[in-house]
ModelCIF file with pLDDT and N, C-alpha, C, O atoms, coordinates in Angstrom:
data_MODEL
#
_entry.id   MODEL 
#
_entity.id                         1 
_entity.type                       polymer 
_entity.pdbx_number_of_molecules   1 
#
_entity_poly.entity_id                      1 
_entity_poly.type                           'polypeptide(L)' 
_entity_poly.nstd_linkage                   no 
_entity_poly.nstd_monomer                   no 
_entity_poly.pdbx_seq_one_letter_code       
;(UNK)(UNK)(UNK)(UNK)(UNK)(UNK)(UNK)(UNK)(UNK)(UNK)(UNK)(UNK)(UNK)(UNK)(UNK)(UNK)
(UNK)(UNK)(UNK)(UNK)(UNK)(UNK)(UNK)(UNK)(UNK)(UNK)(UNK)(UNK)(UNK)(UNK)(UNK)(UNK)
(UNK)(UNK)(UNK)(UNK)(UNK)(UNK)(UNK)(UNK)
;
_entity_poly.pdbx_seq_one_letter_code_can   XXXXXXXXXXXXXXXXXXXXXXXXXXXXXXXXXXXXXXXX 
_entity_poly.pdbx_strand_id                 A 
#
loop_
_entity_poly_seq.entity_id 
_entity_poly_seq.num 
_entity_poly_seq.mon_id 
_entity_poly_seq.hetero 
1 1  UNK n 
1 2  UNK n 
1 3  UNK n 
1 4  UNK n 
1 5  UNK n 
1 6  UNK n 
1 7  UNK n 
1 8  UNK n 
1 9  UNK n 
1 10 UNK n 
1 11 UNK n 
1 12 UNK n 
1 13 UNK n 
1 14 UNK n 
1 15 UNK n 
1 16 UNK n 
1 17 UNK n 
1 18 UNK n 
1 19 UNK n 
1 20 UNK n 
1 21 UNK n 
1 22 UNK n 
1 23 UNK n 
1 24 UNK n 
1 25 UNK n 
1 26 UNK n 
1 27 UNK n 
1 28 UNK n 
1 29 UNK n 
1 30 UNK n 
1 31 UNK n 
1 32 UNK n 
1 33 UNK n 
1 34 UNK n 
1 35 UNK n 
1 36 UNK n 
1 37 UNK n 
1 38 UNK n 
1 39 UNK n 
1 40 UNK n 
#
_struct_asym.id          A 
_struct_asym.entity_id   1 
#
loop_
_ma_qa_metric.id 
_ma_qa_metric.mode 
_ma_qa_metric.name 
_ma_qa_metric.software_group_id 
_ma_qa_metric.type 
1 global pLDDT . pLDDT 
2 local  pLDDT . pLDDT 
#
_ma_qa_metric_global.metric_id      1 
_ma_qa_metric_global.metric_value   94.70 
_ma_qa_metric_global.model_id       1 
_ma_qa_metric_global.ordinal_id     1 
#
loop_
_ma_qa_metric_local.label_asym_id 
_ma_qa_metric_local.label_comp_id 
_ma_qa_metric_local.label_seq_id 
_ma_qa_metric_local.metric_id 
_ma_qa_metric_local.metric_value 
_ma_qa_metric_local.model_id 
_ma_qa_metric_local.ordinal_id 
A UNK 1  2 96.00 1 1  
A UNK 2  2 93.00 1 2  
A UNK 3  2 91.00 1 3  
A UNK 4  2 91.00 1 4  
A UNK 5  2 92.00 1 5  
A UNK 6  2 95.00 1 6  
A UNK 7  2 96.00 1 7  
A UNK 8  2 96.00 1 8  
A UNK 9  2 97.00 1 9  
A UNK 10 2 98.00 1 10 
A UNK 11 2 97.00 1 11 
A UNK 12 2 97.00 1 12 
A UNK 13 2 98.00 1 13 
A UNK 14 2 98.00 1 14 
A UNK 15 2 97.00 1 15 
A UNK 16 2 97.00 1 16 
A UNK 17 2 97.00 1 17 
A UNK 18 2 97.00 1 18 
A UNK 19 2 96.00 1 19 
A UNK 20 2 96.00 1 20 
A UNK 21 2 96.00 1 21 
A UNK 22 2 97.00 1 22 
A UNK 23 2 98.00 1 23 
A UNK 24 2 97.00 1 24 
A UNK 25 2 97.00 1 25 
A UNK 26 2 97.00 1 26 
A UNK 27 2 96.00 1 27 
A UNK 28 2 87.00 1 28 
A UNK 29 2 94.00 1 29 
A UNK 30 2 97.00 1 30 
A UNK 31 2 97.00 1 31 
A UNK 32 2 96.00 1 32 
A UNK 33 2 95.00 1 33 
A UNK 34 2 92.00 1 34 
A UNK 35 2 91.00 1 35 
A UNK 36 2 92.00 1 36 
A UNK 37 2 91.00 1 37 
A UNK 38 2 88.00 1 38 
A UNK 39 2 88.00 1 39 
A UNK 40 2 87.00 1 40 
#
loop_
_atom_site.group_PDB 
_atom_site.id 
_atom_site.type_symbol 
_atom_site.label_atom_id 
_atom_site.label_alt_id 
_atom_site.label_comp_id 
_atom_site.label_asym_id 
_atom_site.label_entity_id 
_atom_site.label_seq_id 
_atom_site.pdbx_PDB_ins_code 
_atom_site.Cartn_x 
_atom_site.Cartn_y 
_atom_site.Cartn_z 
_atom_site.occupancy 
_atom_site.B_iso_or_equiv 
_atom_site.pdbx_formal_charge 
_atom_site.auth_seq_id 
_atom_site.auth_comp_id 
_atom_site.auth_asym_id 
_atom_site.auth_atom_id 
_atom_site.pdbx_PDB_model_num 
ATOM 1   N N  . UNK A 1 1  ? 153.817 86.091 49.065 1.00 96.00 ? 1  UNK A N  1 
ATOM 2   C CA . UNK A 1 1  ? 152.424 86.267 48.649 1.00 96.00 ? 1  UNK A CA 1 
ATOM 3   C C  . UNK A 1 1  ? 152.367 87.192 47.442 1.00 96.00 ? 1  UNK A C  1 
ATOM 4   O O  . UNK A 1 1  ? 153.303 87.942 47.165 1.00 96.00 ? 1  UNK A O  1 
ATOM 5   N N  . UNK A 1 2  ? 151.219 87.118 46.712 1.00 93.00 ? 2  UNK A N  1 
ATOM 6   C CA . UNK A 1 2  ? 151.124 87.842 45.446 1.00 93.00 ? 2  UNK A CA 1 
ATOM 7   C C  . UNK A 1 2  ? 149.849 88.661 45.308 1.00 93.00 ? 2  UNK A C  1 
ATOM 8   O O  . UNK A 1 2  ? 149.680 89.364 44.312 1.00 93.00 ? 2  UNK A O  1 
ATOM 9   N N  . UNK A 1 3  ? 148.954 88.588 46.276 1.00 91.00 ? 3  UNK A N  1 
ATOM 10  C CA . UNK A 1 3  ? 147.795 89.470 46.252 1.00 91.00 ? 3  UNK A CA 1 
ATOM 11  C C  . UNK A 1 3  ? 147.338 89.720 47.684 1.00 91.00 ? 3  UNK A C  1 
ATOM 12  O O  . UNK A 1 3  ? 147.768 89.033 48.611 1.00 91.00 ? 3  UNK A O  1 
ATOM 13  N N  . UNK A 1 4  ? 146.472 90.700 47.855 1.00 91.00 ? 4  UNK A N  1 
ATOM 14  C CA . UNK A 1 4  ? 146.131 91.185 49.190 1.00 91.00 ? 4  UNK A CA 1 
ATOM 15  C C  . UNK A 1 4  ? 145.476 90.115 50.057 1.00 91.00 ? 4  UNK A C  1 
ATOM 16  O O  . UNK A 1 4  ? 145.699 90.086 51.267 1.00 91.00 ? 4  UNK A O  1 
ATOM 17  N N  . UNK A 1 5  ? 144.669 89.232 49.459 1.00 92.00 ? 5  UNK A N  1 
ATOM 18  C CA . UNK A 1 5  ? 144.012 88.190 50.236 1.00 92.00 ? 5  UNK A CA 1 
ATOM 19  C C  . UNK A 1 5  ? 145.013 87.250 50.879 1.00 92.00 ? 5  UNK A C  1 
ATOM 20  O O  . UNK A 1 5  ? 144.922 86.958 52.071 1.00 92.00 ? 5  UNK A O  1 
ATOM 21  N N  . UNK A 1 6  ? 145.970 86.775 50.091 1.00 95.00 ? 6  UNK A N  1 
ATOM 22  C CA . UNK A 1 6  ? 147.024 85.920 50.638 1.00 95.00 ? 6  UNK A CA 1 
ATOM 23  C C  . UNK A 1 6  ? 147.779 86.634 51.747 1.00 95.00 ? 6  UNK A C  1 
ATOM 24  O O  . UNK A 1 6  ? 148.012 86.076 52.819 1.00 95.00 ? 6  UNK A O  1 
ATOM 25  N N  . UNK A 1 7  ? 148.160 87.881 51.470 1.00 96.00 ? 7  UNK A N  1 
ATOM 26  C CA . UNK A 1 7  ? 148.995 88.608 52.425 1.00 96.00 ? 7  UNK A CA 1 
ATOM 27  C C  . UNK A 1 7  ? 148.263 88.865 53.735 1.00 96.00 ? 7  UNK A C  1 
ATOM 28  O O  . UNK A 1 7  ? 148.877 88.814 54.800 1.00 96.00 ? 7  UNK A O  1 
ATOM 29  N N  . UNK A 1 8  ? 146.963 89.140 53.678 1.00 96.00 ? 8  UNK A N  1 
ATOM 30  C CA . UNK A 1 8  ? 146.206 89.359 54.919 1.00 96.00 ? 8  UNK A CA 1 
ATOM 31  C C  . UNK A 1 8  ? 146.227 88.123 55.806 1.00 96.00 ? 8  UNK A C  1 
ATOM 32  O O  . UNK A 1 8  ? 146.401 88.227 57.021 1.00 96.00 ? 8  UNK A O  1 
ATOM 33  N N  . UNK A 1 9  ? 146.048 86.947 55.196 1.00 97.00 ? 9  UNK A N  1 
ATOM 34  C CA . UNK A 1 9  ? 146.058 85.707 55.975 1.00 97.00 ? 9  UNK A CA 1 
ATOM 35  C C  . UNK A 1 9  ? 147.427 85.492 56.606 1.00 97.00 ? 9  UNK A C  1 
ATOM 36  O O  . UNK A 1 9  ? 147.526 85.238 57.807 1.00 97.00 ? 9  UNK A O  1 
ATOM 37  N N  . UNK A 1 10 ? 148.482 85.592 55.802 1.00 98.00 ? 10 UNK A N  1 
ATOM 38  C CA . UNK A 1 10 ? 149.835 85.363 56.302 1.00 98.00 ? 10 UNK A CA 1 
ATOM 39  C C  . UNK A 1 10 ? 150.192 86.379 57.379 1.00 98.00 ? 10 UNK A C  1 
ATOM 40  O O  . UNK A 1 10 ? 150.690 86.006 58.442 1.00 98.00 ? 10 UNK A O  1 
ATOM 41  N N  . UNK A 1 11 ? 149.945 87.648 57.118 1.00 97.00 ? 11 UNK A N  1 
ATOM 42  C CA . UNK A 1 11 ? 150.276 88.692 58.086 1.00 97.00 ? 11 UNK A CA 1 
ATOM 43  C C  . UNK A 1 11 ? 149.545 88.472 59.406 1.00 97.00 ? 11 UNK A C  1 
ATOM 44  O O  . UNK A 1 11 ? 150.141 88.605 60.475 1.00 97.00 ? 11 UNK A O  1 
ATOM 45  N N  . UNK A 1 12 ? 148.261 88.136 59.339 1.00 97.00 ? 12 UNK A N  1 
ATOM 46  C CA . UNK A 1 12 ? 147.488 87.949 60.556 1.00 97.00 ? 12 UNK A CA 1 
ATOM 47  C C  . UNK A 1 12 ? 148.021 86.803 61.403 1.00 97.00 ? 12 UNK A C  1 
ATOM 48  O O  . UNK A 1 12 ? 148.146 86.940 62.620 1.00 97.00 ? 12 UNK A O  1 
ATOM 49  N N  . UNK A 1 13 ? 148.336 85.675 60.776 1.00 98.00 ? 13 UNK A N  1 
ATOM 50  C CA . UNK A 1 13 ? 148.824 84.517 61.523 1.00 98.00 ? 13 UNK A CA 1 
ATOM 51  C C  . UNK A 1 13 ? 150.206 84.786 62.106 1.00 98.00 ? 13 UNK A C  1 
ATOM 52  O O  . UNK A 1 13 ? 150.460 84.452 63.263 1.00 98.00 ? 13 UNK A O  1 
ATOM 53  N N  . UNK A 1 14 ? 151.097 85.380 61.331 1.00 98.00 ? 14 UNK A N  1 
ATOM 54  C CA . UNK A 1 14 ? 152.448 85.633 61.829 1.00 98.00 ? 14 UNK A CA 1 
ATOM 55  C C  . UNK A 1 14 ? 152.452 86.682 62.937 1.00 98.00 ? 14 UNK A C  1 
ATOM 56  O O  . UNK A 1 14 ? 153.225 86.569 63.889 1.00 98.00 ? 14 UNK A O  1 
ATOM 57  N N  . UNK A 1 15 ? 151.611 87.684 62.827 1.00 97.00 ? 15 UNK A N  1 
ATOM 58  C CA . UNK A 1 15 ? 151.544 88.692 63.892 1.00 97.00 ? 15 UNK A CA 1 
ATOM 59  C C  . UNK A 1 15 ? 150.994 88.096 65.183 1.00 97.00 ? 15 UNK A C  1 
ATOM 60  O O  . UNK A 1 15 ? 151.472 88.409 66.274 1.00 97.00 ? 15 UNK A O  1 
ATOM 61  N N  . UNK A 1 16 ? 149.992 87.238 65.053 1.00 97.00 ? 16 UNK A N  1 
ATOM 62  C CA . UNK A 1 16 ? 149.459 86.591 66.248 1.00 97.00 ? 16 UNK A CA 1 
ATOM 63  C C  . UNK A 1 16 ? 150.520 85.712 66.902 1.00 97.00 ? 16 UNK A C  1 
ATOM 64  O O  . UNK A 1 16 ? 150.649 85.710 68.126 1.00 97.00 ? 16 UNK A O  1 
ATOM 65  N N  . UNK A 1 17 ? 151.277 84.968 66.107 1.00 97.00 ? 17 UNK A N  1 
ATOM 66  C CA . UNK A 1 17 ? 152.337 84.122 66.653 1.00 97.00 ? 17 UNK A CA 1 
ATOM 67  C C  . UNK A 1 17 ? 153.405 84.967 67.343 1.00 97.00 ? 17 UNK A C  1 
ATOM 68  O O  . UNK A 1 17 ? 153.955 84.557 68.365 1.00 97.00 ? 17 UNK A O  1 
ATOM 69  N N  . UNK A 1 18 ? 153.704 86.153 66.786 1.00 97.00 ? 18 UNK A N  1 
ATOM 70  C CA . UNK A 1 18 ? 154.683 87.041 67.409 1.00 97.00 ? 18 UNK A CA 1 
ATOM 71  C C  . UNK A 1 18 ? 154.157 87.583 68.743 1.00 97.00 ? 18 UNK A C  1 
ATOM 72  O O  . UNK A 1 18 ? 154.905 87.659 69.718 1.00 97.00 ? 18 UNK A O  1 
ATOM 73  N N  . UNK A 1 19 ? 152.871 87.960 68.788 1.00 96.00 ? 19 UNK A N  1 
ATOM 74  C CA . UNK A 1 19 ? 152.289 88.462 70.037 1.00 96.00 ? 19 UNK A CA 1 
ATOM 75  C C  . UNK A 1 19 ? 152.279 87.387 71.117 1.00 96.00 ? 19 UNK A C  1 
ATOM 76  O O  . UNK A 1 19 ? 152.399 87.694 72.303 1.00 96.00 ? 19 UNK A O  1 
ATOM 77  N N  . UNK A 1 20 ? 152.138 86.138 70.715 1.00 96.00 ? 20 UNK A N  1 
ATOM 78  C CA . UNK A 1 20 ? 152.149 85.024 71.661 1.00 96.00 ? 20 UNK A CA 1 
ATOM 79  C C  . UNK A 1 20 ? 153.552 84.644 72.107 1.00 96.00 ? 20 UNK A C  1 
ATOM 80  O O  . UNK A 1 20 ? 153.717 83.777 72.965 1.00 96.00 ? 20 UNK A O  1 
ATOM 81  N N  . UNK A 1 21 ? 154.565 85.287 71.530 1.00 96.00 ? 21 UNK A N  1 
ATOM 82  C CA . UNK A 1 21 ? 155.941 84.989 71.896 1.00 96.00 ? 21 UNK A CA 1 
ATOM 83  C C  . UNK A 1 21 ? 156.493 83.725 71.271 1.00 96.00 ? 21 UNK A C  1 
ATOM 84  O O  . UNK A 1 21 ? 157.509 83.196 71.721 1.00 96.00 ? 21 UNK A O  1 
ATOM 85  N N  . UNK A 1 22 ? 155.822 83.235 70.229 1.00 97.00 ? 22 UNK A N  1 
ATOM 86  C CA . UNK A 1 22 ? 156.265 81.997 69.581 1.00 97.00 ? 22 UNK A CA 1 
ATOM 87  C C  . UNK A 1 22 ? 157.325 82.262 68.523 1.00 97.00 ? 22 UNK A C  1 
ATOM 88  O O  . UNK A 1 22 ? 158.178 81.408 68.277 1.00 97.00 ? 22 UNK A O  1 
ATOM 89  N N  . UNK A 1 23 ? 157.285 83.436 67.892 1.00 98.00 ? 23 UNK A N  1 
ATOM 90  C CA . UNK A 1 23 ? 158.225 83.750 66.819 1.00 98.00 ? 23 UNK A CA 1 
ATOM 91  C C  . UNK A 1 23 ? 158.723 85.186 66.965 1.00 98.00 ? 23 UNK A C  1 
ATOM 92  O O  . UNK A 1 23 ? 158.120 86.021 67.639 1.00 98.00 ? 23 UNK A O  1 
ATOM 93  N N  . UNK A 1 24 ? 159.844 85.432 66.306 1.00 97.00 ? 24 UNK A N  1 
ATOM 94  C CA . UNK A 1 24 ? 160.385 86.785 66.169 1.00 97.00 ? 24 UNK A CA 1 
ATOM 95  C C  . UNK A 1 24 ? 160.216 87.212 64.724 1.00 97.00 ? 24 UNK A C  1 
ATOM 96  O O  . UNK A 1 24 ? 160.572 86.474 63.806 1.00 97.00 ? 24 UNK A O  1 
ATOM 97  N N  . UNK A 1 25 ? 159.672 88.405 64.523 1.00 97.00 ? 25 UNK A N  1 
ATOM 98  C CA . UNK A 1 25 ? 159.448 88.920 63.178 1.00 97.00 ? 25 UNK A CA 1 
ATOM 99  C C  . UNK A 1 25 ? 160.778 89.380 62.588 1.00 97.00 ? 25 UNK A C  1 
ATOM 100 O O  . UNK A 1 25 ? 161.459 90.224 63.168 1.00 97.00 ? 25 UNK A O  1 
ATOM 101 N N  . UNK A 1 26 ? 161.143 88.827 61.443 1.00 97.00 ? 26 UNK A N  1 
ATOM 102 C CA . UNK A 1 26 ? 162.392 89.196 60.774 1.00 97.00 ? 26 UNK A CA 1 
ATOM 103 C C  . UNK A 1 26 ? 162.191 90.278 59.722 1.00 97.00 ? 26 UNK A C  1 
ATOM 104 O O  . UNK A 1 26 ? 163.164 90.825 59.203 1.00 97.00 ? 26 UNK A O  1 
ATOM 105 N N  . UNK A 1 27 ? 160.952 90.590 59.405 1.00 96.00 ? 27 UNK A N  1 
ATOM 106 C CA . UNK A 1 27 ? 160.645 91.603 58.387 1.00 96.00 ? 27 UNK A CA 1 
ATOM 107 C C  . UNK A 1 27 ? 159.530 92.491 58.929 1.00 96.00 ? 27 UNK A C  1 
ATOM 108 O O  . UNK A 1 27 ? 158.351 92.198 58.732 1.00 96.00 ? 27 UNK A O  1 
ATOM 109 N N  . UNK A 1 28 ? 159.891 93.556 59.598 1.00 87.00 ? 28 UNK A N  1 
ATOM 110 C CA . UNK A 1 28 ? 158.871 94.425 60.209 1.00 87.00 ? 28 UNK A CA 1 
ATOM 111 C C  . UNK A 1 28 ? 157.863 94.889 59.162 1.00 87.00 ? 28 UNK A C  1 
ATOM 112 O O  . UNK A 1 28 ? 156.668 94.992 59.440 1.00 87.00 ? 28 UNK A O  1 
ATOM 113 N N  . UNK A 1 29 ? 158.352 95.164 57.973 1.00 94.00 ? 29 UNK A N  1 
ATOM 114 C CA . UNK A 1 29 ? 157.510 95.415 56.812 1.00 94.00 ? 29 UNK A CA 1 
ATOM 115 C C  . UNK A 1 29 ? 157.873 94.382 55.747 1.00 94.00 ? 29 UNK A C  1 
ATOM 116 O O  . UNK A 1 29 ? 159.028 93.965 55.659 1.00 94.00 ? 29 UNK A O  1 
ATOM 117 N N  . UNK A 1 30 ? 156.904 93.968 54.945 1.00 97.00 ? 30 UNK A N  1 
ATOM 118 C CA . UNK A 1 30 ? 157.231 92.949 53.935 1.00 97.00 ? 30 UNK A CA 1 
ATOM 119 C C  . UNK A 1 30 ? 158.283 93.453 52.962 1.00 97.00 ? 30 UNK A C  1 
ATOM 120 O O  . UNK A 1 30 ? 158.264 94.616 52.557 1.00 97.00 ? 30 UNK A O  1 
ATOM 121 N N  . UNK A 1 31 ? 159.198 92.570 52.589 1.00 97.00 ? 31 UNK A N  1 
ATOM 122 C CA . UNK A 1 31 ? 160.190 92.894 51.572 1.00 97.00 ? 31 UNK A CA 1 
ATOM 123 C C  . UNK A 1 31 ? 159.538 92.832 50.201 1.00 97.00 ? 31 UNK A C  1 
ATOM 124 O O  . UNK A 1 31 ? 158.619 92.044 49.975 1.00 97.00 ? 31 UNK A O  1 
ATOM 125 N N  . UNK A 1 32 ? 160.016 93.662 49.292 1.00 96.00 ? 32 UNK A N  1 
ATOM 126 C CA . UNK A 1 32 ? 159.515 93.679 47.922 1.00 96.00 ? 32 UNK A CA 1 
ATOM 127 C C  . UNK A 1 32 ? 160.677 93.475 46.965 1.00 96.00 ? 32 UNK A C  1 
ATOM 128 O O  . UNK A 1 32 ? 161.817 93.770 47.322 1.00 96.00 ? 32 UNK A O  1 
ATOM 129 N N  . UNK A 1 33 ? 160.423 92.979 45.758 1.00 95.00 ? 33 UNK A N  1 
ATOM 130 C CA . UNK A 1 33 ? 161.504 92.823 44.780 1.00 95.00 ? 33 UNK A CA 1 
ATOM 131 C C  . UNK A 1 33 ? 162.054 94.182 44.368 1.00 95.00 ? 33 UNK A C  1 
ATOM 132 O O  . UNK A 1 33 ? 161.335 95.180 44.351 1.00 95.00 ? 33 UNK A O  1 
ATOM 133 N N  . UNK A 1 34 ? 163.344 94.203 44.037 1.00 92.00 ? 34 UNK A N  1 
ATOM 134 C CA . UNK A 1 34 ? 163.901 95.463 43.568 1.00 92.00 ? 34 UNK A CA 1 
ATOM 135 C C  . UNK A 1 34 ? 163.435 95.731 42.134 1.00 92.00 ? 34 UNK A C  1 
ATOM 136 O O  . UNK A 1 34 ? 162.814 94.885 41.492 1.00 92.00 ? 34 UNK A O  1 
ATOM 137 N N  . UNK A 1 35 ? 163.751 96.914 41.666 1.00 91.00 ? 35 UNK A N  1 
ATOM 138 C CA . UNK A 1 35 ? 163.250 97.336 40.354 1.00 91.00 ? 35 UNK A CA 1 
ATOM 139 C C  . UNK A 1 35 ? 163.733 96.420 39.237 1.00 91.00 ? 35 UNK A C  1 
ATOM 140 O O  . UNK A 1 35 ? 162.986 96.120 38.305 1.00 91.00 ? 35 UNK A O  1 
ATOM 141 N N  . UNK A 1 36 ? 164.997 95.973 39.335 1.00 92.00 ? 36 UNK A N  1 
ATOM 142 C CA . UNK A 1 36 ? 165.553 95.119 38.280 1.00 92.00 ? 36 UNK A CA 1 
ATOM 143 C C  . UNK A 1 36 ? 164.794 93.795 38.200 1.00 92.00 ? 36 UNK A C  1 
ATOM 144 O O  . UNK A 1 36 ? 164.480 93.329 37.105 1.00 92.00 ? 36 UNK A O  1 
ATOM 145 N N  . UNK A 1 37 ? 164.495 93.182 39.357 1.00 91.00 ? 37 UNK A N  1 
ATOM 146 C CA . UNK A 1 37 ? 163.771 91.914 39.330 1.00 91.00 ? 37 UNK A CA 1 
ATOM 147 C C  . UNK A 1 37 ? 162.343 92.112 38.841 1.00 91.00 ? 37 UNK A C  1 
ATOM 148 O O  . UNK A 1 37 ? 161.827 91.291 38.083 1.00 91.00 ? 37 UNK A O  1 
ATOM 149 N N  . UNK A 1 38 ? 161.705 93.194 39.268 1.00 88.00 ? 38 UNK A N  1 
ATOM 150 C CA . UNK A 1 38 ? 160.330 93.454 38.837 1.00 88.00 ? 38 UNK A CA 1 
ATOM 151 C C  . UNK A 1 38 ? 160.244 93.611 37.323 1.00 88.00 ? 38 UNK A C  1 
ATOM 152 O O  . UNK A 1 38 ? 159.257 93.209 36.707 1.00 88.00 ? 38 UNK A O  1 
ATOM 153 N N  . UNK A 1 39 ? 161.272 94.191 36.731 1.00 88.00 ? 39 UNK A N  1 
ATOM 154 C CA . UNK A 1 39 ? 161.303 94.346 35.276 1.00 88.00 ? 39 UNK A CA 1 
ATOM 155 C C  . UNK A 1 39 ? 161.602 93.029 34.579 1.00 88.00 ? 39 UNK A C  1 
ATOM 156 O O  . UNK A 1 39 ? 161.062 92.757 33.506 1.00 88.00 ? 39 UNK A O  1 
ATOM 157 N N  . UNK A 1 40 ? 162.461 92.206 35.180 1.00 87.00 ? 40 UNK A N  1 
ATOM 158 C CA . UNK A 1 40 ? 162.883 90.960 34.538 1.00 87.00 ? 40 UNK A CA 1 
ATOM 159 C C  . UNK A 1 40 ? 161.883 89.827 34.717 1.00 87.00 ? 40 UNK A C  1 
ATOM 160 O O  . UNK A 1 40 ? 162.110 88.720 34.228 1.00 87.00 ? 40 UNK A O  1 
#
């Protein structure tokens, strides 16, 4: 995702699926690009 609106939707759906026992969260916090990629 690239802005807060997208991320809120994705986070909400994935968290609900995790609470229902349907999925396991692989990223407790969202991953971000490293400094080199952000610059490039």
